[in-house]
Amino acid sequence: MPKKGNTKGENEKSIAFNPAEILLVAGLGNPDPDFAATYHNIGMRALEALFASSGDHKWRTRNDFRYTKIGSRIFVIPRTYMNESGAAIRHALAYFEIPTRSLLVLHDDTDLAVGTMKTGFERGSAGHHGIESIIGALHTNKFWRARIGVRGTGRNGKAGAFVLQKTRRSDEPAFEKVFQKLRMLLTPPHGTN
């Protein structure tokens, strides 16, 4: 079982992110409307923002996730609560027959500043319960993550103290920049997907 922390072994090689290899993108959050505009739901919001200007997709529902497909890429939102995301992600990967190395999970990260995003592969959960659930359900941490920063001014305490708070209006422009960066990262050149 992978370690909880973020450290990599000395012999591990850093793998470069290649968007073309990503076949399933999952945005984490809590499905209850009361949590929709919270920091903890930024992964789900980021995924939904990818389609903000596009009306040419339809969401379909499976037991514990909903999805839409554009080209060869599938976009998934678990219908479970954050801390139980693993089963939904495992079911989606199995349903679409996609290997874990082609999975990208979008989620909040309280160690990163608002407006920042980092991608990484084969990392520990760093205490993020949604990621812990996914690692546990998949029995591996060999998948991609896009960690979206939610740490801002005045939020220096424990993550649980603010991740379920509504996002501040002043943070929205920074989040929009991250969403735009994701759009550019995941949108293939015209006609290639």
N, C-alpha and C. Protein backbone atom coordinates (compact mmCIF):
# COMPACT_ATOMS: atom_id res chain seq x y z
N MET A 1 0.86 -1.19 0.00
CA MET A 1 0.00 0.00 0.00
C MET A 1 0.89 1.24 0.00
N PRO A 2 0.63 2.22 -0.86
CA PRO A 2 1.46 3.42 -0.92
C PRO A 2 1.42 4.20 0.38
N LYS A 3 2.47 4.92 0.65
CA LYS A 3 2.54 5.75 1.84
C LYS A 3 1.60 6.94 1.71
N LYS A 4 1.23 7.50 2.88
CA LYS A 4 0.31 8.64 2.90
C LYS A 4 0.97 9.93 2.44
N GLY A 5 2.24 10.07 2.68
CA GLY A 5 2.92 11.34 2.41
C GLY A 5 3.12 11.62 0.94
N ASN A 6 3.82 12.71 0.66
CA ASN A 6 4.07 13.11 -0.72
C ASN A 6 5.47 12.80 -1.20
N THR A 7 6.30 12.19 -0.36
CA THR A 7 7.68 11.96 -0.75
C THR A 7 7.77 10.81 -1.73
N LYS A 8 8.72 10.93 -2.64
CA LYS A 8 9.00 9.86 -3.60
C LYS A 8 10.32 9.24 -3.23
N GLY A 9 10.47 7.97 -3.53
CA GLY A 9 11.74 7.30 -3.27
C GLY A 9 12.85 7.90 -4.11
N GLU A 10 14.07 7.76 -3.65
CA GLU A 10 15.21 8.36 -4.35
C GLU A 10 15.38 7.80 -5.75
N ASN A 11 14.98 6.55 -5.97
CA ASN A 11 15.18 5.92 -7.27
C ASN A 11 14.01 6.14 -8.24
N GLU A 12 12.92 6.76 -7.76
CA GLU A 12 11.77 6.99 -8.63
C GLU A 12 12.06 8.10 -9.63
N LYS A 13 11.60 7.90 -10.84
CA LYS A 13 11.78 8.91 -11.88
C LYS A 13 10.54 9.79 -11.96
N SER A 14 10.74 11.04 -12.23
CA SER A 14 9.62 11.95 -12.43
C SER A 14 9.06 11.71 -13.83
N ILE A 15 7.75 11.58 -13.93
CA ILE A 15 7.10 11.32 -15.20
C ILE A 15 6.47 12.61 -15.70
N ALA A 16 6.72 12.95 -16.95
CA ALA A 16 6.15 14.17 -17.54
C ALA A 16 4.68 13.94 -17.88
N PHE A 17 3.86 14.92 -17.57
CA PHE A 17 2.43 14.84 -17.86
C PHE A 17 2.20 14.97 -19.35
N ASN A 18 1.48 14.01 -19.93
CA ASN A 18 1.13 14.03 -21.35
C ASN A 18 -0.38 13.97 -21.47
N PRO A 19 -1.03 15.11 -21.75
CA PRO A 19 -2.50 15.12 -21.82
C PRO A 19 -3.09 14.10 -22.78
N ALA A 20 -2.36 13.75 -23.83
CA ALA A 20 -2.88 12.80 -24.82
C ALA A 20 -3.11 11.42 -24.22
N GLU A 21 -2.43 11.10 -23.12
CA GLU A 21 -2.58 9.80 -22.49
C GLU A 21 -3.75 9.74 -21.51
N ILE A 22 -4.36 10.89 -21.22
CA ILE A 22 -5.47 10.94 -20.28
C ILE A 22 -6.77 10.58 -20.99
N LEU A 23 -7.41 9.50 -20.54
CA LEU A 23 -8.67 9.05 -21.14
C LEU A 23 -9.87 9.28 -20.24
N LEU A 24 -9.64 9.42 -18.92
CA LEU A 24 -10.74 9.66 -18.00
C LEU A 24 -10.32 10.75 -17.01
N VAL A 25 -11.14 11.79 -16.92
CA VAL A 25 -10.89 12.90 -16.00
C VAL A 25 -12.02 12.89 -14.98
N ALA A 26 -11.65 12.88 -13.69
CA ALA A 26 -12.65 12.86 -12.62
C ALA A 26 -12.51 14.11 -11.77
N GLY A 27 -13.63 14.76 -11.47
CA GLY A 27 -13.63 15.94 -10.61
C GLY A 27 -14.26 15.60 -9.28
N LEU A 28 -13.50 15.76 -8.19
CA LEU A 28 -14.00 15.38 -6.87
C LEU A 28 -14.76 16.50 -6.19
N GLY A 29 -15.74 16.09 -5.38
CA GLY A 29 -16.53 17.03 -4.60
C GLY A 29 -17.61 16.27 -3.86
N ASN A 30 -18.48 17.01 -3.21
CA ASN A 30 -19.63 16.42 -2.52
C ASN A 30 -20.88 16.72 -3.33
N PRO A 31 -21.76 15.73 -3.52
CA PRO A 31 -22.92 15.92 -4.39
C PRO A 31 -24.04 16.79 -3.81
N ASP A 32 -24.06 16.95 -2.52
CA ASP A 32 -25.11 17.74 -1.86
C ASP A 32 -25.01 19.20 -2.31
N PRO A 33 -26.11 19.81 -2.78
CA PRO A 33 -26.08 21.21 -3.24
C PRO A 33 -25.54 22.18 -2.19
N ASP A 34 -25.66 21.85 -0.91
CA ASP A 34 -25.14 22.72 0.15
C ASP A 34 -23.62 22.87 0.07
N PHE A 35 -22.94 21.91 -0.57
CA PHE A 35 -21.49 21.94 -0.66
C PHE A 35 -20.99 22.47 -2.01
N ALA A 36 -21.91 22.78 -2.91
CA ALA A 36 -21.54 23.10 -4.29
C ALA A 36 -20.50 24.20 -4.42
N ALA A 37 -20.62 25.25 -3.64
CA ALA A 37 -19.72 26.40 -3.78
C ALA A 37 -18.62 26.44 -2.71
N THR A 38 -18.26 25.26 -2.19
CA THR A 38 -17.22 25.22 -1.16
C THR A 38 -15.85 24.94 -1.78
N TYR A 39 -14.83 25.20 -0.99
CA TYR A 39 -13.46 24.94 -1.45
C TYR A 39 -13.25 23.46 -1.74
N HIS A 40 -13.89 22.59 -0.96
CA HIS A 40 -13.71 21.15 -1.13
C HIS A 40 -14.25 20.67 -2.47
N ASN A 41 -15.15 21.42 -3.09
CA ASN A 41 -15.76 21.03 -4.36
C ASN A 41 -15.06 21.62 -5.58
N ILE A 42 -13.88 22.17 -5.39
CA ILE A 42 -13.22 22.86 -6.50
C ILE A 42 -12.86 21.89 -7.64
N GLY A 43 -12.61 20.62 -7.33
CA GLY A 43 -12.33 19.64 -8.38
C GLY A 43 -13.53 19.41 -9.28
N MET A 44 -14.70 19.29 -8.66
CA MET A 44 -15.94 19.13 -9.42
C MET A 44 -16.23 20.39 -10.23
N ARG A 45 -16.05 21.56 -9.60
CA ARG A 45 -16.28 22.82 -10.30
C ARG A 45 -15.33 22.97 -11.48
N ALA A 46 -14.08 22.54 -11.31
CA ALA A 46 -13.10 22.64 -12.39
C ALA A 46 -13.51 21.78 -13.57
N LEU A 47 -13.99 20.58 -13.29
CA LEU A 47 -14.43 19.70 -14.37
C LEU A 47 -15.63 20.30 -15.09
N GLU A 48 -16.60 20.79 -14.32
CA GLU A 48 -17.80 21.38 -14.94
C GLU A 48 -17.44 22.63 -15.75
N ALA A 49 -16.41 23.37 -15.31
CA ALA A 49 -16.00 24.58 -16.03
C ALA A 49 -15.43 24.26 -17.40
N LEU A 50 -14.96 23.04 -17.60
CA LEU A 50 -14.44 22.65 -18.91
C LEU A 50 -15.52 22.74 -19.98
N PHE A 51 -16.80 22.63 -19.56
CA PHE A 51 -17.91 22.62 -20.51
C PHE A 51 -18.77 23.87 -20.44
N ALA A 52 -18.32 24.87 -19.70
CA ALA A 52 -19.13 26.06 -19.45
C ALA A 52 -19.63 26.72 -20.73
N SER A 53 -18.81 26.72 -21.76
CA SER A 53 -19.20 27.40 -23.00
C SER A 53 -19.65 26.43 -24.09
N SER A 54 -19.80 25.16 -23.71
CA SER A 54 -20.15 24.16 -24.70
C SER A 54 -21.48 23.51 -24.35
N GLY A 55 -22.39 23.48 -25.30
CA GLY A 55 -23.67 22.84 -25.07
C GLY A 55 -23.78 21.53 -25.82
N ASP A 56 -22.67 21.02 -26.36
CA ASP A 56 -22.73 19.85 -27.22
C ASP A 56 -22.41 18.54 -26.49
N HIS A 57 -22.67 18.49 -25.20
CA HIS A 57 -22.45 17.25 -24.46
C HIS A 57 -23.67 16.96 -23.60
N LYS A 58 -23.86 15.67 -23.28
CA LYS A 58 -24.96 15.27 -22.42
C LYS A 58 -24.39 14.45 -21.28
N TRP A 59 -24.88 14.73 -20.07
CA TRP A 59 -24.47 13.95 -18.91
C TRP A 59 -25.33 12.70 -18.83
N ARG A 60 -24.70 11.57 -18.61
CA ARG A 60 -25.39 10.31 -18.39
C ARG A 60 -25.08 9.83 -16.97
N THR A 61 -25.92 8.99 -16.44
CA THR A 61 -25.77 8.55 -15.05
C THR A 61 -25.63 7.04 -14.96
N ARG A 62 -24.64 6.60 -14.21
CA ARG A 62 -24.49 5.21 -13.79
C ARG A 62 -24.84 5.18 -12.30
N ASN A 63 -24.72 4.05 -11.66
CA ASN A 63 -25.11 3.94 -10.25
C ASN A 63 -24.47 4.99 -9.36
N ASP A 64 -23.14 5.09 -9.39
CA ASP A 64 -22.47 5.97 -8.45
C ASP A 64 -21.60 7.05 -9.11
N PHE A 65 -21.83 7.30 -10.40
CA PHE A 65 -21.13 8.40 -11.06
C PHE A 65 -21.96 8.88 -12.25
N ARG A 66 -21.71 10.11 -12.64
CA ARG A 66 -22.28 10.62 -13.89
C ARG A 66 -21.12 10.96 -14.81
N TYR A 67 -21.38 10.94 -16.11
CA TYR A 67 -20.27 11.12 -17.05
C TYR A 67 -20.76 11.75 -18.35
N THR A 68 -19.81 12.30 -19.05
CA THR A 68 -20.03 12.75 -20.42
C THR A 68 -18.79 12.38 -21.21
N LYS A 69 -18.96 12.20 -22.48
CA LYS A 69 -17.85 11.78 -23.33
C LYS A 69 -17.68 12.79 -24.45
N ILE A 70 -16.46 13.22 -24.64
CA ILE A 70 -16.14 14.12 -25.75
C ILE A 70 -14.92 13.55 -26.45
N GLY A 71 -15.08 13.19 -27.71
CA GLY A 71 -14.01 12.53 -28.43
C GLY A 71 -13.71 11.20 -27.75
N SER A 72 -12.44 10.95 -27.48
CA SER A 72 -12.04 9.70 -26.83
C SER A 72 -11.90 9.86 -25.32
N ARG A 73 -12.22 11.03 -24.80
CA ARG A 73 -12.03 11.30 -23.38
C ARG A 73 -13.36 11.30 -22.63
N ILE A 74 -13.36 10.70 -21.44
CA ILE A 74 -14.55 10.61 -20.61
C ILE A 74 -14.34 11.48 -19.38
N PHE A 75 -15.37 12.23 -19.01
CA PHE A 75 -15.34 13.12 -17.85
C PHE A 75 -16.34 12.60 -16.83
N VAL A 76 -15.88 12.40 -15.60
CA VAL A 76 -16.68 11.72 -14.58
C VAL A 76 -16.77 12.56 -13.31
N ILE A 77 -17.97 12.58 -12.73
CA ILE A 77 -18.17 13.17 -11.41
C ILE A 77 -18.81 12.09 -10.54
N PRO A 78 -18.12 11.68 -9.46
CA PRO A 78 -18.73 10.70 -8.56
C PRO A 78 -20.02 11.25 -7.96
N ARG A 79 -20.98 10.37 -7.75
CA ARG A 79 -22.24 10.75 -7.10
C ARG A 79 -22.19 10.42 -5.61
N THR A 80 -21.00 10.05 -5.15
CA THR A 80 -20.77 9.73 -3.75
C THR A 80 -20.19 10.95 -3.05
N TYR A 81 -20.15 10.91 -1.73
CA TYR A 81 -19.47 11.97 -1.01
C TYR A 81 -17.97 11.83 -1.20
N MET A 82 -17.27 12.94 -1.02
CA MET A 82 -15.83 13.01 -1.26
C MET A 82 -15.07 11.84 -0.66
N ASN A 83 -15.33 11.55 0.61
CA ASN A 83 -14.55 10.53 1.31
C ASN A 83 -14.84 9.11 0.84
N GLU A 84 -15.82 8.96 -0.06
CA GLU A 84 -16.17 7.64 -0.60
C GLU A 84 -16.01 7.63 -2.12
N SER A 85 -15.17 8.49 -2.65
CA SER A 85 -14.99 8.62 -4.10
C SER A 85 -14.39 7.39 -4.76
N GLY A 86 -13.63 6.61 -4.00
CA GLY A 86 -12.88 5.51 -4.59
C GLY A 86 -13.70 4.50 -5.35
N ALA A 87 -14.81 4.07 -4.77
CA ALA A 87 -15.64 3.06 -5.43
C ALA A 87 -16.17 3.57 -6.76
N ALA A 88 -16.62 4.83 -6.79
CA ALA A 88 -17.16 5.40 -8.04
C ALA A 88 -16.08 5.47 -9.12
N ILE A 89 -14.88 5.87 -8.73
CA ILE A 89 -13.78 5.95 -9.71
C ILE A 89 -13.41 4.56 -10.20
N ARG A 90 -13.35 3.59 -9.28
CA ARG A 90 -13.04 2.21 -9.69
C ARG A 90 -14.09 1.69 -10.66
N HIS A 91 -15.37 1.96 -10.37
CA HIS A 91 -16.45 1.50 -11.25
C HIS A 91 -16.37 2.17 -12.62
N ALA A 92 -16.05 3.47 -12.65
CA ALA A 92 -15.94 4.18 -13.93
C ALA A 92 -14.80 3.62 -14.77
N LEU A 93 -13.64 3.40 -14.15
CA LEU A 93 -12.50 2.84 -14.88
C LEU A 93 -12.84 1.46 -15.45
N ALA A 94 -13.52 0.64 -14.65
CA ALA A 94 -13.90 -0.70 -15.11
C ALA A 94 -14.94 -0.63 -16.22
N TYR A 95 -15.93 0.24 -16.05
CA TYR A 95 -17.01 0.36 -17.04
C TYR A 95 -16.47 0.76 -18.41
N PHE A 96 -15.52 1.69 -18.41
CA PHE A 96 -14.96 2.18 -19.68
C PHE A 96 -13.68 1.46 -20.08
N GLU A 97 -13.26 0.49 -19.26
CA GLU A 97 -12.05 -0.30 -19.53
C GLU A 97 -10.83 0.59 -19.73
N ILE A 98 -10.59 1.45 -18.76
CA ILE A 98 -9.49 2.41 -18.82
C ILE A 98 -8.48 2.07 -17.72
N PRO A 99 -7.19 2.02 -18.05
CA PRO A 99 -6.18 1.73 -17.03
C PRO A 99 -5.98 2.93 -16.10
N THR A 100 -5.56 2.66 -14.88
CA THR A 100 -5.38 3.74 -13.91
C THR A 100 -4.38 4.79 -14.37
N ARG A 101 -3.38 4.41 -15.13
CA ARG A 101 -2.36 5.39 -15.56
C ARG A 101 -2.95 6.44 -16.53
N SER A 102 -4.18 6.18 -17.04
CA SER A 102 -4.84 7.14 -17.93
C SER A 102 -5.92 7.94 -17.21
N LEU A 103 -5.90 7.91 -15.88
CA LEU A 103 -6.84 8.64 -15.04
C LEU A 103 -6.21 9.94 -14.54
N LEU A 104 -6.98 11.03 -14.62
CA LEU A 104 -6.59 12.32 -14.03
C LEU A 104 -7.68 12.72 -13.06
N VAL A 105 -7.31 12.93 -11.79
CA VAL A 105 -8.26 13.33 -10.75
C VAL A 105 -8.03 14.80 -10.41
N LEU A 106 -9.08 15.61 -10.49
CA LEU A 106 -9.03 17.02 -10.13
C LEU A 106 -9.54 17.17 -8.70
N HIS A 107 -8.76 17.82 -7.83
CA HIS A 107 -9.20 17.96 -6.44
C HIS A 107 -8.56 19.16 -5.77
N ASP A 108 -9.13 19.54 -4.64
CA ASP A 108 -8.62 20.66 -3.85
C ASP A 108 -7.34 20.25 -3.12
N ASP A 109 -6.48 21.23 -2.88
CA ASP A 109 -5.26 20.98 -2.11
C ASP A 109 -5.03 22.17 -1.18
N THR A 110 -5.07 21.90 0.12
CA THR A 110 -4.94 22.96 1.11
C THR A 110 -3.49 23.39 1.33
N ASP A 111 -2.54 22.69 0.72
CA ASP A 111 -1.14 23.08 0.84
C ASP A 111 -0.71 24.05 -0.26
N LEU A 112 -1.57 24.24 -1.26
CA LEU A 112 -1.26 25.13 -2.38
C LEU A 112 -2.11 26.39 -2.31
N ALA A 113 -1.52 27.48 -2.72
CA ALA A 113 -2.21 28.77 -2.69
C ALA A 113 -3.32 28.82 -3.73
N VAL A 114 -4.35 29.57 -3.43
CA VAL A 114 -5.43 29.81 -4.38
C VAL A 114 -4.84 30.33 -5.69
N GLY A 115 -5.30 29.79 -6.80
CA GLY A 115 -4.81 30.23 -8.10
C GLY A 115 -3.65 29.41 -8.63
N THR A 116 -3.22 28.40 -7.87
CA THR A 116 -2.14 27.53 -8.34
C THR A 116 -2.67 26.14 -8.59
N MET A 117 -1.97 25.40 -9.42
CA MET A 117 -2.33 24.02 -9.72
C MET A 117 -1.06 23.26 -10.03
N LYS A 118 -0.97 22.04 -9.54
CA LYS A 118 0.17 21.18 -9.83
C LYS A 118 -0.32 19.81 -10.24
N THR A 119 0.30 19.26 -11.26
CA THR A 119 -0.01 17.89 -11.66
C THR A 119 1.06 16.97 -11.09
N GLY A 120 0.66 15.75 -10.81
CA GLY A 120 1.60 14.78 -10.28
C GLY A 120 1.10 13.37 -10.50
N PHE A 121 2.02 12.44 -10.49
CA PHE A 121 1.71 11.03 -10.72
C PHE A 121 2.30 10.21 -9.58
N GLU A 122 1.57 9.19 -9.16
CA GLU A 122 2.05 8.24 -8.16
C GLU A 122 2.47 8.93 -6.86
N ARG A 123 1.55 9.74 -6.34
CA ARG A 123 1.79 10.45 -5.09
C ARG A 123 0.95 9.86 -3.97
N GLY A 124 1.36 10.11 -2.73
CA GLY A 124 0.55 9.74 -1.58
C GLY A 124 -0.63 10.68 -1.46
N SER A 125 -1.52 10.41 -0.53
CA SER A 125 -2.74 11.20 -0.39
C SER A 125 -2.52 12.52 0.32
N ALA A 126 -1.44 12.64 1.11
CA ALA A 126 -1.18 13.84 1.92
C ALA A 126 -2.37 14.18 2.81
N GLY A 127 -3.12 13.15 3.22
CA GLY A 127 -4.24 13.37 4.13
C GLY A 127 -5.55 13.73 3.46
N HIS A 128 -5.58 13.81 2.13
CA HIS A 128 -6.83 14.12 1.43
C HIS A 128 -7.69 12.86 1.40
N HIS A 129 -8.85 12.91 2.07
CA HIS A 129 -9.65 11.69 2.24
C HIS A 129 -10.24 11.17 0.93
N GLY A 130 -10.54 12.04 -0.01
CA GLY A 130 -11.02 11.58 -1.30
C GLY A 130 -9.95 10.79 -2.04
N ILE A 131 -8.72 11.28 -1.99
CA ILE A 131 -7.61 10.58 -2.64
C ILE A 131 -7.30 9.29 -1.89
N GLU A 132 -7.36 9.31 -0.56
CA GLU A 132 -7.17 8.08 0.23
C GLU A 132 -8.17 7.02 -0.22
N SER A 133 -9.41 7.44 -0.41
CA SER A 133 -10.45 6.51 -0.84
C SER A 133 -10.14 5.92 -2.21
N ILE A 134 -9.66 6.75 -3.12
CA ILE A 134 -9.34 6.27 -4.48
C ILE A 134 -8.16 5.31 -4.44
N ILE A 135 -7.10 5.67 -3.72
CA ILE A 135 -5.94 4.80 -3.61
C ILE A 135 -6.36 3.45 -3.00
N GLY A 136 -7.19 3.50 -1.98
CA GLY A 136 -7.65 2.27 -1.35
C GLY A 136 -8.49 1.41 -2.28
N ALA A 137 -9.38 2.04 -3.04
CA ALA A 137 -10.26 1.29 -3.95
C ALA A 137 -9.51 0.71 -5.14
N LEU A 138 -8.51 1.45 -5.63
CA LEU A 138 -7.76 1.00 -6.80
C LEU A 138 -6.56 0.13 -6.43
N HIS A 139 -6.20 0.14 -5.15
CA HIS A 139 -5.02 -0.57 -4.66
C HIS A 139 -3.73 -0.10 -5.33
N THR A 140 -3.74 1.17 -5.72
CA THR A 140 -2.54 1.77 -6.34
C THR A 140 -2.67 3.28 -6.28
N ASN A 141 -1.53 3.95 -6.35
CA ASN A 141 -1.53 5.41 -6.49
C ASN A 141 -0.96 5.81 -7.86
N LYS A 142 -0.93 4.87 -8.78
CA LYS A 142 -0.38 5.13 -10.11
C LYS A 142 -1.44 5.73 -11.02
N PHE A 143 -1.83 6.95 -10.68
CA PHE A 143 -2.75 7.73 -11.51
C PHE A 143 -2.35 9.19 -11.38
N TRP A 144 -2.86 10.01 -12.30
CA TRP A 144 -2.53 11.43 -12.33
C TRP A 144 -3.47 12.23 -11.45
N ARG A 145 -2.94 13.31 -10.90
CA ARG A 145 -3.74 14.24 -10.10
C ARG A 145 -3.42 15.66 -10.52
N ALA A 146 -4.46 16.49 -10.55
CA ALA A 146 -4.28 17.94 -10.69
C ALA A 146 -4.74 18.53 -9.38
N ARG A 147 -3.80 18.98 -8.57
CA ARG A 147 -4.09 19.54 -7.25
C ARG A 147 -4.33 21.03 -7.40
N ILE A 148 -5.52 21.46 -7.05
CA ILE A 148 -5.92 22.87 -7.22
C ILE A 148 -5.86 23.55 -5.86
N GLY A 149 -5.04 24.59 -5.76
CA GLY A 149 -4.81 25.27 -4.49
C GLY A 149 -6.04 26.00 -3.98
N VAL A 150 -6.29 25.86 -2.68
CA VAL A 150 -7.41 26.56 -2.03
C VAL A 150 -6.95 27.34 -0.79
N ARG A 151 -5.65 27.30 -0.52
CA ARG A 151 -5.14 28.00 0.67
C ARG A 151 -5.00 29.48 0.35
N GLY A 152 -5.68 30.31 1.14
CA GLY A 152 -5.64 31.76 0.90
C GLY A 152 -5.33 32.53 2.17
N THR A 153 -5.33 33.82 2.06
CA THR A 153 -5.07 34.69 3.20
C THR A 153 -6.07 34.42 4.31
N GLY A 154 -5.56 34.28 5.51
CA GLY A 154 -6.43 34.05 6.65
C GLY A 154 -6.87 32.61 6.82
N ARG A 155 -6.36 31.71 5.99
CA ARG A 155 -6.71 30.29 6.10
C ARG A 155 -5.45 29.51 6.44
N ASN A 156 -4.95 29.72 7.66
CA ASN A 156 -3.71 29.10 8.07
C ASN A 156 -3.91 27.93 9.02
N GLY A 157 -5.14 27.67 9.42
CA GLY A 157 -5.41 26.58 10.35
C GLY A 157 -5.51 25.25 9.64
N LYS A 158 -6.14 24.29 10.32
CA LYS A 158 -6.33 22.97 9.74
C LYS A 158 -7.29 23.06 8.56
N ALA A 159 -7.07 22.17 7.59
CA ALA A 159 -7.89 22.19 6.38
C ALA A 159 -9.37 22.06 6.68
N GLY A 160 -9.72 21.19 7.62
CA GLY A 160 -11.12 20.97 7.95
C GLY A 160 -11.84 22.21 8.42
N ALA A 161 -11.07 23.20 8.84
CA ALA A 161 -11.68 24.43 9.35
C ALA A 161 -12.21 25.31 8.23
N PHE A 162 -11.75 25.13 7.01
CA PHE A 162 -12.24 26.02 5.95
C PHE A 162 -12.65 25.34 4.65
N VAL A 163 -12.30 24.08 4.40
CA VAL A 163 -12.62 23.49 3.09
C VAL A 163 -14.12 23.37 2.83
N LEU A 164 -14.92 23.33 3.89
CA LEU A 164 -16.36 23.23 3.70
C LEU A 164 -17.05 24.59 3.76
N GLN A 165 -16.25 25.66 3.82
CA GLN A 165 -16.80 27.02 3.75
C GLN A 165 -17.04 27.39 2.29
N LYS A 166 -17.98 28.31 2.08
CA LYS A 166 -18.23 28.83 0.73
C LYS A 166 -16.99 29.57 0.26
N THR A 167 -16.68 29.45 -1.01
CA THR A 167 -15.52 30.16 -1.54
C THR A 167 -15.75 31.66 -1.49
N ARG A 168 -14.70 32.39 -1.25
CA ARG A 168 -14.79 33.85 -1.21
C ARG A 168 -14.89 34.40 -2.62
N ARG A 169 -15.67 35.42 -2.77
CA ARG A 169 -15.81 36.07 -4.08
C ARG A 169 -14.45 36.54 -4.59
N SER A 170 -13.59 36.99 -3.68
CA SER A 170 -12.28 37.49 -4.07
C SER A 170 -11.37 36.40 -4.64
N ASP A 171 -11.68 35.11 -4.36
CA ASP A 171 -10.88 34.00 -4.88
C ASP A 171 -11.32 33.57 -6.28
N GLU A 172 -12.51 33.97 -6.70
CA GLU A 172 -13.06 33.47 -7.95
C GLU A 172 -12.20 33.79 -9.19
N PRO A 173 -11.64 35.01 -9.32
CA PRO A 173 -10.78 35.26 -10.50
C PRO A 173 -9.58 34.31 -10.57
N ALA A 174 -9.01 33.97 -9.41
CA ALA A 174 -7.87 33.05 -9.38
C ALA A 174 -8.31 31.64 -9.80
N PHE A 175 -9.49 31.23 -9.34
CA PHE A 175 -9.99 29.92 -9.75
C PHE A 175 -10.28 29.89 -11.25
N GLU A 176 -10.82 30.98 -11.78
CA GLU A 176 -11.10 31.04 -13.22
C GLU A 176 -9.82 30.86 -14.03
N LYS A 177 -8.72 31.42 -13.55
CA LYS A 177 -7.44 31.25 -14.25
C LYS A 177 -7.01 29.79 -14.25
N VAL A 178 -7.23 29.11 -13.12
CA VAL A 178 -6.90 27.68 -13.05
C VAL A 178 -7.80 26.89 -14.00
N PHE A 179 -9.08 27.21 -14.02
CA PHE A 179 -10.00 26.51 -14.91
C PHE A 179 -9.58 26.71 -16.37
N GLN A 180 -9.17 27.92 -16.71
CA GLN A 180 -8.72 28.20 -18.08
C GLN A 180 -7.47 27.39 -18.40
N LYS A 181 -6.56 27.29 -17.44
CA LYS A 181 -5.34 26.51 -17.65
C LYS A 181 -5.69 25.05 -17.90
N LEU A 182 -6.66 24.54 -17.16
CA LEU A 182 -7.11 23.15 -17.37
C LEU A 182 -7.73 22.97 -18.75
N ARG A 183 -8.54 23.95 -19.18
CA ARG A 183 -9.14 23.88 -20.52
C ARG A 183 -8.05 23.77 -21.58
N MET A 184 -7.03 24.61 -21.45
CA MET A 184 -5.94 24.59 -22.43
C MET A 184 -5.17 23.28 -22.37
N LEU A 185 -5.00 22.74 -21.17
CA LEU A 185 -4.26 21.50 -20.98
C LEU A 185 -4.99 20.31 -21.57
N LEU A 186 -6.31 20.30 -21.42
CA LEU A 186 -7.10 19.12 -21.80
C LEU A 186 -7.82 19.22 -23.14
N THR A 187 -7.78 20.38 -23.76
CA THR A 187 -8.44 20.53 -25.05
C THR A 187 -7.43 20.25 -26.14
N PRO A 188 -7.66 19.21 -26.92
CA PRO A 188 -6.71 18.90 -27.99
C PRO A 188 -6.79 19.91 -29.13
N PRO A 189 -5.75 20.01 -29.92
CA PRO A 189 -5.82 20.86 -31.12
C PRO A 189 -7.03 20.43 -31.95
N HIS A 190 -7.66 21.39 -32.62
CA HIS A 190 -8.88 21.15 -33.39
C HIS A 190 -8.72 19.96 -34.34
N GLY A 191 -9.67 19.04 -34.24
CA GLY A 191 -9.70 17.92 -35.17
C GLY A 191 -8.84 16.72 -34.77
N THR A 192 -8.20 16.76 -33.59
CA THR A 192 -7.33 15.62 -33.23
C THR A 192 -7.98 14.67 -32.25
N ASN A 193 -9.16 14.98 -31.76
CA ASN A 193 -9.77 14.09 -30.77
C ASN A 193 -11.13 13.63 -31.22
